[in-house]
Amino acid sequence: MIHLYPGKVAKQRKHPQLKAIEVTSVMGLLIFPLWILALIWAHSNAIFGKLYNEGDFTADDQGVNEPEPPLFSSKPEVETEQTDK
């Protein structure tokens, strides 16, 4: 039964969306591109409908850092004198 193959792959790889992959592969009997999608989905680690779990990422993991100062500035730097009192 070739139409169940994506579900078997997902089960073997312990994919978190096993049931959705199985349903998509069975629907692929009627619409073939769905079977291809289910096969690719089973082999990937993609989780559709959920971008990330809260707490999985920190600001540094997502690339959110302080902006770097520009290398060249169009404004001339003005030196200020500091006086000791």
N, C-alpha and C. Protein backbone atom coordinates (compact mmCIF):
# COMPACT_ATOMS: atom_id res chain seq x y z
N MET A 1 0.83 -1.17 0.00
CA MET A 1 0.00 0.00 0.00
C MET A 1 0.89 1.25 0.00
N ILE A 2 1.16 1.73 -1.16
CA ILE A 2 2.09 2.85 -1.31
C ILE A 2 1.52 4.14 -0.73
N HIS A 3 0.20 4.27 -0.69
CA HIS A 3 -0.38 5.52 -0.19
C HIS A 3 -0.16 5.70 1.31
N LEU A 4 0.21 4.66 2.04
CA LEU A 4 0.48 4.76 3.47
C LEU A 4 1.96 4.98 3.79
N TYR A 5 2.79 4.99 2.76
CA TYR A 5 4.24 5.12 2.97
C TYR A 5 4.65 6.39 3.72
N PRO A 6 4.11 7.59 3.41
CA PRO A 6 4.52 8.77 4.19
C PRO A 6 4.21 8.65 5.68
N GLY A 7 3.10 8.00 6.03
CA GLY A 7 2.78 7.78 7.43
C GLY A 7 3.77 6.86 8.11
N LYS A 8 4.21 5.84 7.40
CA LYS A 8 5.20 4.92 7.96
C LYS A 8 6.54 5.62 8.19
N VAL A 9 6.91 6.47 7.24
CA VAL A 9 8.16 7.22 7.38
C VAL A 9 8.07 8.15 8.58
N ALA A 10 6.94 8.85 8.71
CA ALA A 10 6.75 9.79 9.83
C ALA A 10 6.78 9.05 11.17
N LYS A 11 6.18 7.86 11.21
CA LYS A 11 6.18 7.08 12.45
C LYS A 11 7.60 6.62 12.80
N GLN A 12 8.35 6.20 11.80
CA GLN A 12 9.72 5.75 12.02
C GLN A 12 10.60 6.90 12.50
N ARG A 13 10.37 8.11 11.98
CA ARG A 13 11.17 9.28 12.35
C ARG A 13 10.61 10.00 13.57
N LYS A 14 9.52 9.47 14.15
CA LYS A 14 8.86 10.04 15.33
C LYS A 14 8.49 11.50 15.10
N HIS A 15 7.84 11.74 13.97
CA HIS A 15 7.42 13.10 13.62
C HIS A 15 6.26 13.52 14.53
N PRO A 16 6.29 14.75 15.07
CA PRO A 16 5.23 15.17 15.99
C PRO A 16 3.86 15.34 15.34
N GLN A 17 3.78 15.41 14.03
CA GLN A 17 2.49 15.55 13.35
C GLN A 17 2.17 14.31 12.51
N LEU A 18 2.35 13.16 13.12
CA LEU A 18 2.14 11.88 12.45
C LEU A 18 0.73 11.75 11.89
N LYS A 19 -0.28 12.05 12.68
CA LYS A 19 -1.67 11.88 12.23
C LYS A 19 -1.99 12.77 11.05
N ALA A 20 -1.51 14.01 11.08
CA ALA A 20 -1.77 14.93 9.97
C ALA A 20 -1.10 14.43 8.68
N ILE A 21 0.08 13.86 8.81
CA ILE A 21 0.78 13.32 7.64
C ILE A 21 0.03 12.12 7.09
N GLU A 22 -0.47 11.27 7.97
CA GLU A 22 -1.24 10.10 7.53
C GLU A 22 -2.51 10.53 6.78
N VAL A 23 -3.22 11.52 7.31
CA VAL A 23 -4.44 12.01 6.67
C VAL A 23 -4.12 12.61 5.30
N THR A 24 -3.05 13.41 5.24
CA THR A 24 -2.66 14.03 3.98
C THR A 24 -2.27 12.98 2.94
N SER A 25 -1.60 11.93 3.36
CA SER A 25 -1.20 10.90 2.41
C SER A 25 -2.41 10.12 1.89
N VAL A 26 -3.41 9.89 2.73
CA VAL A 26 -4.62 9.19 2.27
C VAL A 26 -5.41 10.11 1.32
N MET A 27 -5.45 11.41 1.63
CA MET A 27 -6.11 12.35 0.72
C MET A 27 -5.37 12.42 -0.61
N GLY A 28 -4.11 12.04 -0.59
CA GLY A 28 -3.31 12.00 -1.81
C GLY A 28 -3.79 10.96 -2.81
N LEU A 29 -4.65 10.05 -2.38
CA LEU A 29 -5.25 9.11 -3.33
C LEU A 29 -6.13 9.85 -4.33
N LEU A 30 -6.76 10.91 -3.88
CA LEU A 30 -7.64 11.70 -4.75
C LEU A 30 -6.87 12.82 -5.46
N ILE A 31 -5.97 13.46 -4.73
CA ILE A 31 -5.21 14.58 -5.28
C ILE A 31 -3.73 14.26 -5.10
N PHE A 32 -3.08 13.81 -6.16
CA PHE A 32 -1.72 13.29 -6.07
C PHE A 32 -0.71 14.25 -5.46
N PRO A 33 -0.76 15.56 -5.76
CA PRO A 33 0.24 16.45 -5.14
C PRO A 33 0.22 16.42 -3.60
N LEU A 34 -0.91 16.10 -3.00
CA LEU A 34 -0.97 15.99 -1.54
C LEU A 34 -0.12 14.82 -1.05
N TRP A 35 -0.07 13.74 -1.81
CA TRP A 35 0.75 12.59 -1.41
C TRP A 35 2.23 12.97 -1.45
N ILE A 36 2.62 13.70 -2.48
CA ILE A 36 4.00 14.16 -2.58
C ILE A 36 4.32 15.09 -1.41
N LEU A 37 3.40 16.00 -1.09
CA LEU A 37 3.58 16.91 0.05
C LEU A 37 3.74 16.11 1.35
N ALA A 38 2.92 15.10 1.55
CA ALA A 38 3.00 14.28 2.76
C ALA A 38 4.34 13.55 2.85
N LEU A 39 4.84 13.09 1.72
CA LEU A 39 6.13 12.39 1.71
C LEU A 39 7.27 13.34 2.08
N ILE A 40 7.26 14.53 1.51
CA ILE A 40 8.29 15.52 1.84
C ILE A 40 8.15 15.94 3.30
N TRP A 41 6.93 16.15 3.76
CA TRP A 41 6.66 16.56 5.14
C TRP A 41 7.15 15.50 6.12
N ALA A 42 6.95 14.23 5.79
CA ALA A 42 7.37 13.13 6.67
C ALA A 42 8.89 13.08 6.81
N HIS A 43 9.59 13.40 5.74
CA HIS A 43 11.05 13.36 5.76
C HIS A 43 11.68 14.60 6.39
N SER A 44 10.90 15.66 6.50
CA SER A 44 11.44 16.90 7.05
C SER A 44 11.09 17.01 8.54
N ASN A 45 11.65 18.00 9.17
CA ASN A 45 11.31 18.28 10.57
C ASN A 45 10.34 19.44 10.67
N ALA A 46 9.71 19.78 9.56
CA ALA A 46 8.79 20.92 9.53
C ALA A 46 7.54 20.62 10.34
N ILE A 47 7.10 21.63 11.06
CA ILE A 47 5.86 21.54 11.82
C ILE A 47 4.97 22.66 11.32
N PHE A 48 3.94 22.33 10.55
CA PHE A 48 3.05 23.33 10.00
C PHE A 48 2.07 23.81 11.05
N GLY A 49 1.77 25.09 11.02
CA GLY A 49 0.78 25.66 11.92
C GLY A 49 1.35 26.13 13.24
N LYS A 50 2.64 25.93 13.46
CA LYS A 50 3.26 26.34 14.71
C LYS A 50 4.67 26.81 14.39
N LEU A 51 4.92 28.09 14.59
CA LEU A 51 6.23 28.61 14.23
C LEU A 51 7.29 28.23 15.25
N TYR A 52 6.96 28.31 16.53
CA TYR A 52 7.90 27.94 17.57
C TYR A 52 7.17 27.80 18.89
N ASN A 53 7.77 27.13 19.82
CA ASN A 53 7.22 27.02 21.16
C ASN A 53 7.77 28.16 21.99
N GLU A 54 6.94 28.70 22.86
CA GLU A 54 7.42 29.77 23.73
C GLU A 54 8.52 29.22 24.63
N GLY A 55 9.57 29.98 24.78
CA GLY A 55 10.66 29.56 25.63
C GLY A 55 11.74 28.79 24.90
N ASP A 56 11.50 28.42 23.64
CA ASP A 56 12.52 27.69 22.89
C ASP A 56 13.66 28.59 22.46
N PHE A 57 13.36 29.87 22.26
CA PHE A 57 14.36 30.78 21.74
C PHE A 57 14.56 31.94 22.71
N THR A 58 15.76 32.44 22.72
CA THR A 58 16.03 33.67 23.45
C THR A 58 16.26 34.76 22.42
N ALA A 59 16.41 35.98 22.86
CA ALA A 59 16.61 37.09 21.94
C ALA A 59 17.88 36.88 21.12
N ASP A 60 18.93 36.31 21.72
CA ASP A 60 20.18 36.09 21.00
C ASP A 60 20.02 35.02 19.92
N ASP A 61 19.19 34.00 20.18
CA ASP A 61 18.98 32.94 19.20
C ASP A 61 18.26 33.45 17.97
N GLN A 62 17.42 34.45 18.13
CA GLN A 62 16.63 34.95 17.01
C GLN A 62 17.35 36.05 16.27
N GLY A 63 18.54 36.40 16.68
CA GLY A 63 19.30 37.42 16.00
C GLY A 63 18.88 38.83 16.38
N VAL A 64 18.19 38.97 17.51
CA VAL A 64 17.77 40.29 17.95
C VAL A 64 18.83 40.79 18.92
N ASN A 65 19.67 41.66 18.46
CA ASN A 65 20.74 42.21 19.27
C ASN A 65 20.71 43.72 19.17
N GLU A 66 21.57 44.34 19.92
CA GLU A 66 21.70 45.79 19.81
C GLU A 66 22.24 46.10 18.42
N PRO A 67 21.75 47.15 17.80
CA PRO A 67 22.27 47.49 16.47
C PRO A 67 23.73 47.93 16.56
N GLU A 68 24.49 47.54 15.57
CA GLU A 68 25.89 47.92 15.54
C GLU A 68 26.01 49.36 15.05
N PRO A 69 26.99 50.09 15.57
CA PRO A 69 27.17 51.46 15.09
C PRO A 69 27.67 51.42 13.65
N PRO A 70 27.34 52.43 12.87
CA PRO A 70 27.80 52.44 11.48
C PRO A 70 29.32 52.58 11.41
N LEU A 71 29.91 51.99 10.40
CA LEU A 71 31.35 52.07 10.23
C LEU A 71 31.78 53.48 9.83
N PHE A 72 31.00 54.09 8.98
CA PHE A 72 31.29 55.44 8.52
C PHE A 72 30.10 56.32 8.83
N SER A 73 30.36 57.48 9.34
CA SER A 73 29.29 58.40 9.66
C SER A 73 29.38 59.61 8.75
N SER A 74 28.23 60.09 8.34
CA SER A 74 28.23 61.28 7.48
C SER A 74 28.39 62.55 8.30
N LYS A 75 28.20 62.46 9.61
CA LYS A 75 28.35 63.62 10.49
C LYS A 75 29.75 63.62 11.08
N PRO A 76 30.41 64.77 11.08
CA PRO A 76 31.74 64.82 11.70
C PRO A 76 31.62 64.72 13.22
N GLU A 77 32.57 64.03 13.79
CA GLU A 77 32.56 63.89 15.24
C GLU A 77 33.02 65.19 15.89
N VAL A 78 32.35 65.58 16.92
CA VAL A 78 32.70 66.79 17.66
C VAL A 78 33.29 66.35 19.00
N GLU A 79 34.52 66.77 19.22
CA GLU A 79 35.16 66.39 20.47
C GLU A 79 34.75 67.38 21.55
N THR A 80 34.41 66.85 22.69
CA THR A 80 34.05 67.70 23.81
C THR A 80 35.15 67.63 24.85
N GLU A 81 35.42 68.74 25.45
CA GLU A 81 36.45 68.80 26.47
C GLU A 81 35.82 68.55 27.84
N GLN A 82 36.46 67.73 28.58
CA GLN A 82 35.98 67.45 29.94
C GLN A 82 36.88 68.20 30.90
N THR A 83 36.29 68.92 31.80
CA THR A 83 37.05 69.67 32.78
C THR A 83 36.91 69.03 34.14
N ASP A 84 37.98 68.99 34.87
CA ASP A 84 37.93 68.46 36.22
C ASP A 84 37.66 69.59 37.20
N LYS A 85 36.77 69.39 38.10
CA LYS A 85 36.45 70.42 39.10
C LYS A 85 36.99 70.05 40.44
